[in-house]
């Protein structure tokens, strides 16, 4: 059997950027639609930025706990917990990109106005943008912390033959 590369976690670094692009376009379209109809600009509530920051903090806490568990050779990693943290990190980076891009679109729409917007209008927009970027960063960091380091020579030549891979097990054998 030829040497196969070890499976690496599939990371999609462009996914949060694509989500941010969709959020940016959505934010611009919403603001231009409101301006076209003569209404005031959409101002996100402060609770949006606070919620995004809280989710980022929770992701960091769970990611750090998992990273410490992986690094400690005396503790076993619960695979279900690790998968939940990984999925939450990926979802967090996508949601952060989407809301960060939306906040960027809201802010960008204000830059083209002839009259500067008051602080009570642009500050929540900037806070949503910053909190979205923080959530993307925390999500990507947590996703990287979920990687299990490769085994450092634990298998010897005799152990490899005895254990084998999935192809040697009955359930995975081809007829």
C-alpha atoms as a PDB file:
ATOM      1  CA  UNK A   1       0.000   0.000   0.000  1.00  0.00           C
ATOM      2  CA  UNK A   2       1.533   3.381  -0.972  1.00  0.00           C
ATOM      3  CA  UNK A   3       2.217   5.990   1.660  1.00  0.00           C
ATOM      4  CA  UNK A   4      -0.781   8.231   2.007  1.00  0.00           C
ATOM      5  CA  UNK A   5      -0.531  11.685   3.543  1.00  0.00           C
ATOM      6  CA  UNK A   6      -2.035  12.006   6.975  1.00  0.00           C
ATOM      7  CA  UNK A   7      -5.478  13.606   6.910  1.00  0.00           C
ATOM      8  CA  UNK A   8      -5.423  17.272   7.779  1.00  0.00           C
ATOM      9  CA  UNK A   9      -8.424  19.155   9.122  1.00  0.00           C
ATOM     10  CA  UNK A  10     -10.170  20.869   6.254  1.00  0.00           C
ATOM     11  CA  UNK A  11      -9.976  24.545   6.991  1.00  0.00           C
ATOM     12  CA  UNK A  12     -11.745  27.052   4.813  1.00  0.00           C
ATOM     13  CA  UNK A  13      -9.997  30.356   5.431  1.00  0.00           C
ATOM     14  CA  UNK A  14     -11.979  32.158   2.737  1.00  0.00           C
ATOM     15  CA  UNK A  15     -15.399  31.221   4.110  1.00  0.00           C
ATOM     16  CA  UNK A  16     -15.500  34.053   6.707  1.00  0.00           C
ATOM     17  CA  UNK A  17     -14.339  36.492   4.027  1.00  0.00           C
ATOM     18  CA  UNK A  18     -17.093  35.361   1.657  1.00  0.00           C
ATOM     19  CA  UNK A  19     -19.614  35.701   4.492  1.00  0.00           C
ATOM     20  CA  UNK A  20     -18.241  39.180   5.199  1.00  0.00           C
ATOM     21  CA  UNK A  21     -18.694  40.064   1.541  1.00  0.00           C
ATOM     22  CA  UNK A  22     -22.325  38.945   1.634  1.00  0.00           C
ATOM     23  CA  UNK A  23     -22.845  40.904   4.863  1.00  0.00           C
ATOM     24  CA  UNK A  24     -21.238  44.003   3.341  1.00  0.00           C
ATOM     25  CA  UNK A  25     -23.512  43.874   0.304  1.00  0.00           C
ATOM     26  CA  UNK A  26     -26.567  43.260   2.497  1.00  0.00           C
ATOM     27  CA  UNK A  27     -25.678  46.186   4.762  1.00  0.00           C
ATOM     28  CA  UNK A  28     -25.201  48.512   1.808  1.00  0.00           C
ATOM     29  CA  UNK A  29     -28.458  47.396   0.178  1.00  0.00           C
ATOM     30  CA  UNK A  30     -30.420  47.883   3.396  1.00  0.00           C
ATOM     31  CA  UNK A  31     -29.014  51.367   3.968  1.00  0.00           C
ATOM     32  CA  UNK A  32     -29.480  52.458   0.368  1.00  0.00           C
ATOM     33  CA  UNK A  33     -33.028  51.095   0.368  1.00  0.00           C
ATOM     34  CA  UNK A  34     -33.853  53.012   3.544  1.00  0.00           C
ATOM     35  CA  UNK A  35     -32.240  56.203   2.214  1.00  0.00           C
ATOM     36  CA  UNK A  36     -34.092  55.859  -1.076  1.00  0.00           C
ATOM     37  CA  UNK A  37     -37.416  55.630   0.731  1.00  0.00           C
ATOM     38  CA  UNK A  38     -36.559  58.653   2.886  1.00  0.00           C
ATOM     39  CA  UNK A  39     -36.201  56.780   6.174  1.00  0.00           C
ATOM     40  CA  UNK A  40     -33.450  57.090   8.751  1.00  0.00           C
ATOM     41  CA  UNK A  41     -30.495  54.669   8.565  1.00  0.00           C
ATOM     42  CA  UNK A  42     -30.621  51.324  10.308  1.00  0.00           C
ATOM     43  CA  UNK A  43     -28.810  51.500  13.626  1.00  0.00           C
ATOM     44  CA  UNK A  44     -28.083  48.098  15.158  1.00  0.00           C
ATOM     45  CA  UNK A  45     -28.717  47.798  18.890  1.00  0.00           C
ATOM     46  CA  UNK A  46     -25.783  47.705  21.278  1.00  0.00           C
ATOM     47  CA  UNK A  47     -26.910  44.266  22.366  1.00  0.00           C
ATOM     48  CA  UNK A  48     -25.790  42.898  18.972  1.00  0.00           C
ATOM     49  CA  UNK A  49     -22.176  43.834  19.602  1.00  0.00           C
ATOM     50  CA  UNK A  50     -22.363  42.652  23.205  1.00  0.00           C
ATOM     51  CA  UNK A  51     -23.821  39.292  22.126  1.00  0.00           C
ATOM     52  CA  UNK A  52     -21.156  38.774  19.453  1.00  0.00           C
ATOM     53  CA  UNK A  53     -18.431  39.619  21.964  1.00  0.00           C
ATOM     54  CA  UNK A  54     -19.938  37.211  24.516  1.00  0.00           C
ATOM     55  CA  UNK A  55     -20.007  34.404  21.939  1.00  0.00           C
ATOM     56  CA  UNK A  56     -16.379  35.142  21.082  1.00  0.00           C
ATOM     57  CA  UNK A  57     -15.431  34.942  24.767  1.00  0.00           C
ATOM     58  CA  UNK A  58     -17.252  31.619  25.201  1.00  0.00           C
ATOM     59  CA  UNK A  59     -15.478  30.219  22.143  1.00  0.00           C
ATOM     60  CA  UNK A  60     -12.127  31.284  23.572  1.00  0.00           C
ATOM     61  CA  UNK A  61     -12.847  29.668  26.942  1.00  0.00           C
ATOM     62  CA  UNK A  62     -13.934  26.358  25.419  1.00  0.00           C
ATOM     63  CA  UNK A  63     -11.072  26.452  22.921  1.00  0.00           C
ATOM     64  CA  UNK A  64      -8.465  27.050  25.619  1.00  0.00           C
ATOM     65  CA  UNK A  65      -9.887  24.250  27.766  1.00  0.00           C
ATOM     66  CA  UNK A  66      -9.751  21.858  24.824  1.00  0.00           C
ATOM     67  CA  UNK A  67      -6.238  22.981  23.909  1.00  0.00           C
ATOM     68  CA  UNK A  68      -5.043  22.248  27.448  1.00  0.00           C
ATOM     69  CA  UNK A  69      -6.730  18.847  27.400  1.00  0.00           C
ATOM     70  CA  UNK A  70      -5.074  17.974  24.081  1.00  0.00           C
ATOM     71  CA  UNK A  71      -1.669  19.110  25.346  1.00  0.00           C
ATOM     72  CA  UNK A  72      -1.877  17.059  28.553  1.00  0.00           C
ATOM     73  CA  UNK A  73      -0.794  13.476  27.796  1.00  0.00           C
ATOM     74  CA  UNK A  74      -2.537  12.161  30.930  1.00  0.00           C
ATOM     75  CA  UNK A  75      -6.016  13.328  29.916  1.00  0.00           C
ATOM     76  CA  UNK A  76      -8.188  11.896  27.198  1.00  0.00           C
ATOM     77  CA  UNK A  77     -10.031  14.164  24.831  1.00  0.00           C
ATOM     78  CA  UNK A  78     -13.771  13.642  24.639  1.00  0.00           C
ATOM     79  CA  UNK A  79     -14.317  13.459  20.863  1.00  0.00           C
ATOM     80  CA  UNK A  80     -17.925  14.642  21.099  1.00  0.00           C
ATOM     81  CA  UNK A  81     -16.881  17.730  23.044  1.00  0.00           C
ATOM     82  CA  UNK A  82     -14.064  18.406  20.570  1.00  0.00           C
ATOM     83  CA  UNK A  83     -16.427  18.158  17.602  1.00  0.00           C
ATOM     84  CA  UNK A  84     -18.929  20.465  19.279  1.00  0.00           C
ATOM     85  CA  UNK A  85     -16.225  23.034  19.943  1.00  0.00           C
ATOM     86  CA  UNK A  86     -14.950  22.730  16.369  1.00  0.00           C
ATOM     87  CA  UNK A  87     -18.416  23.164  14.845  1.00  0.00           C
ATOM     88  CA  UNK A  88     -19.119  26.099  17.146  1.00  0.00           C
ATOM     89  CA  UNK A  89     -15.831  27.709  16.143  1.00  0.00           C
ATOM     90  CA  UNK A  90     -16.589  27.326  12.441  1.00  0.00           C
ATOM     91  CA  UNK A  91     -20.115  28.643  12.887  1.00  0.00           C
ATOM     92  CA  UNK A  92     -18.787  31.520  14.976  1.00  0.00           C
ATOM     93  CA  UNK A  93     -16.294  32.535  12.324  1.00  0.00           C
ATOM     94  CA  UNK A  94     -19.012  32.493   9.652  1.00  0.00           C
ATOM     95  CA  UNK A  95     -21.511  34.421  11.770  1.00  0.00           C
ATOM     96  CA  UNK A  96     -18.816  36.875  12.799  1.00  0.00           C
ATOM     97  CA  UNK A  97     -17.891  37.429   9.168  1.00  0.00           C
ATOM     98  CA  UNK A  98     -21.519  37.950   8.225  1.00  0.00           C
ATOM     99  CA  UNK A  99     -22.289  40.427  11.015  1.00  0.00           C
ATOM    100  CA  UNK A 100     -18.909  42.131  10.700  1.00  0.00           C
ATOM    101  CA  UNK A 101     -19.496  42.613   6.992  1.00  0.00           C
ATOM    102  CA  UNK A 102     -23.014  43.853   7.672  1.00  0.00           C
ATOM    103  CA  UNK A 103     -21.611  46.412  10.125  1.00  0.00           C
ATOM    104  CA  UNK A 104     -18.994  47.406   7.561  1.00  0.00           C
ATOM    105  CA  UNK A 105     -21.728  47.917   4.969  1.00  0.00           C
ATOM    106  CA  UNK A 106     -23.690  50.086   7.374  1.00  0.00           C
ATOM    107  CA  UNK A 107     -20.613  52.193   8.156  1.00  0.00           C
ATOM    108  CA  UNK A 108     -19.585  52.392   4.501  1.00  0.00           C
ATOM    109  CA  UNK A 109     -22.995  53.746   3.536  1.00  0.00           C
ATOM    110  CA  UNK A 110     -22.553  56.595   6.016  1.00  0.00           C
ATOM    111  CA  UNK A 111     -19.213  57.652   4.568  1.00  0.00           C
ATOM    112  CA  UNK A 112     -20.791  58.815   1.315  1.00  0.00           C
ATOM    113  CA  UNK A 113     -23.168  61.259   2.969  1.00  0.00           C
ATOM    114  CA  UNK A 114     -22.630  65.000   2.747  1.00  0.00           C
ATOM    115  CA  UNK A 115     -23.769  65.543   6.349  1.00  0.00           C
ATOM    116  CA  UNK A 116     -21.798  63.572   8.950  1.00  0.00           C
ATOM    117  CA  UNK A 117     -23.864  61.197  11.029  1.00  0.00           C
ATOM    118  CA  UNK A 118     -24.084  61.744  14.791  1.00  0.00           C
ATOM    119  CA  UNK A 119     -22.128  59.472  17.117  1.00  0.00           C
ATOM    120  CA  UNK A 120     -25.296  57.744  18.257  1.00  0.00           C
ATOM    121  CA  UNK A 121     -25.748  56.524  14.686  1.00  0.00           C
ATOM    122  CA  UNK A 122     -22.281  55.341  13.675  1.00  0.00           C
ATOM    123  CA  UNK A 123     -20.981  54.051  17.026  1.00  0.00           C
ATOM    124  CA  UNK A 124     -23.267  50.971  17.182  1.00  0.00           C
ATOM    125  CA  UNK A 125     -22.363  50.213  13.561  1.00  0.00           C
ATOM    126  CA  UNK A 126     -18.644  50.322  14.314  1.00  0.00           C
ATOM    127  CA  UNK A 127     -19.173  48.242  17.449  1.00  0.00           C
ATOM    128  CA  UNK A 128     -20.994  45.561  15.403  1.00  0.00           C
ATOM    129  CA  UNK A 129     -18.127  45.606  12.898  1.00  0.00           C
ATOM    130  CA  UNK A 130     -15.465  45.238  15.614  1.00  0.00           C
ATOM    131  CA  UNK A 131     -17.388  42.532  17.465  1.00  0.00           C
ATOM    132  CA  UNK A 132     -17.870  40.592  14.216  1.00  0.00           C
ATOM    133  CA  UNK A 133     -14.153  40.752  13.462  1.00  0.00           C
ATOM    134  CA  UNK A 134     -13.374  39.637  17.025  1.00  0.00           C
ATOM    135  CA  UNK A 135     -15.745  36.678  16.613  1.00  0.00           C
ATOM    136  CA  UNK A 136     -14.020  35.682  13.359  1.00  0.00           C
ATOM    137  CA  UNK A 137     -10.612  35.828  15.029  1.00  0.00           C
ATOM    138  CA  UNK A 138     -11.776  33.837  18.055  1.00  0.00           C
ATOM    139  CA  UNK A 139     -13.485  31.283  15.831  1.00  0.00           C
ATOM    140  CA  UNK A 140     -10.388  30.757  13.677  1.00  0.00           C
ATOM    141  CA  UNK A 141      -8.140  30.496  16.755  1.00  0.00           C
ATOM    142  CA  UNK A 142     -10.445  27.989  18.416  1.00  0.00           C
ATOM    143  CA  UNK A 143     -10.639  25.970  15.219  1.00  0.00           C
ATOM    144  CA  UNK A 144      -6.847  25.779  15.107  1.00  0.00           C
ATOM    145  CA  UNK A 145      -6.708  24.724  18.746  1.00  0.00           C
ATOM    146  CA  UNK A 146      -8.966  21.764  17.953  1.00  0.00           C
ATOM    147  CA  UNK A 147      -6.231  20.081  15.917  1.00  0.00           C
ATOM    148  CA  UNK A 148      -4.716  17.002  17.460  1.00  0.00           C
ATOM    149  CA  UNK A 149      -0.918  16.915  17.203  1.00  0.00           C
ATOM    150  CA  UNK A 150       0.557  13.986  15.261  1.00  0.00           C
ATOM    151  CA  UNK A 151       1.775  11.006  17.274  1.00  0.00           C
ATOM    152  CA  UNK A 152       5.435  11.368  18.145  1.00  0.00           C
ATOM    153  CA  UNK A 153       6.812   7.945  17.354  1.00  0.00           C
ATOM    154  CA  UNK A 154       4.364   6.059  19.564  1.00  0.00           C
ATOM    155  CA  UNK A 155       3.882   3.386  16.946  1.00  0.00           C
ATOM    156  CA  UNK A 156       6.675   0.983  16.260  1.00  0.00           C
ATOM    157  CA  UNK A 157       6.977  -1.256  13.225  1.00  0.00           C
ATOM    158  CA  UNK A 158       5.361  -4.147  15.122  1.00  0.00           C
ATOM    159  CA  UNK A 159       2.422  -2.057  16.314  1.00  0.00           C
ATOM    160  CA  UNK A 160       1.636  -0.798  12.815  1.00  0.00           C
ATOM    161  CA  UNK A 161       1.222  -4.319  11.508  1.00  0.00           C
ATOM    162  CA  UNK A 162      -0.990  -5.378  14.413  1.00  0.00           C
ATOM    163  CA  UNK A 163      -3.271  -2.333  14.432  1.00  0.00           C
ATOM    164  CA  UNK A 164      -3.460  -1.463  10.765  1.00  0.00           C
ATOM    165  CA  UNK A 165      -5.861   1.065   9.386  1.00  0.00           C
ATOM    166  CA  UNK A 166      -9.554   0.890   8.657  1.00  0.00           C
ATOM    167  CA  UNK A 167      -8.907  -1.095   5.504  1.00  0.00           C
ATOM    168  CA  UNK A 168      -7.740  -4.090   7.597  1.00  0.00           C
ATOM    169  CA  UNK A 169     -10.898  -4.198   9.677  1.00  0.00           C
ATOM    170  CA  UNK A 170     -13.728  -6.453   8.591  1.00  0.00           C
ATOM    171  CA  UNK A 171     -16.284  -3.666   8.190  1.00  0.00           C
ATOM    172  CA  UNK A 172     -14.060  -1.763   5.755  1.00  0.00           C
ATOM    173  CA  UNK A 173     -12.745  -4.615   3.611  1.00  0.00           C
ATOM    174  CA  UNK A 174     -13.682  -4.633  -0.023  1.00  0.00           C
ATOM    175  CA  UNK A 175     -15.084  -7.911  -1.460  1.00  0.00           C
END
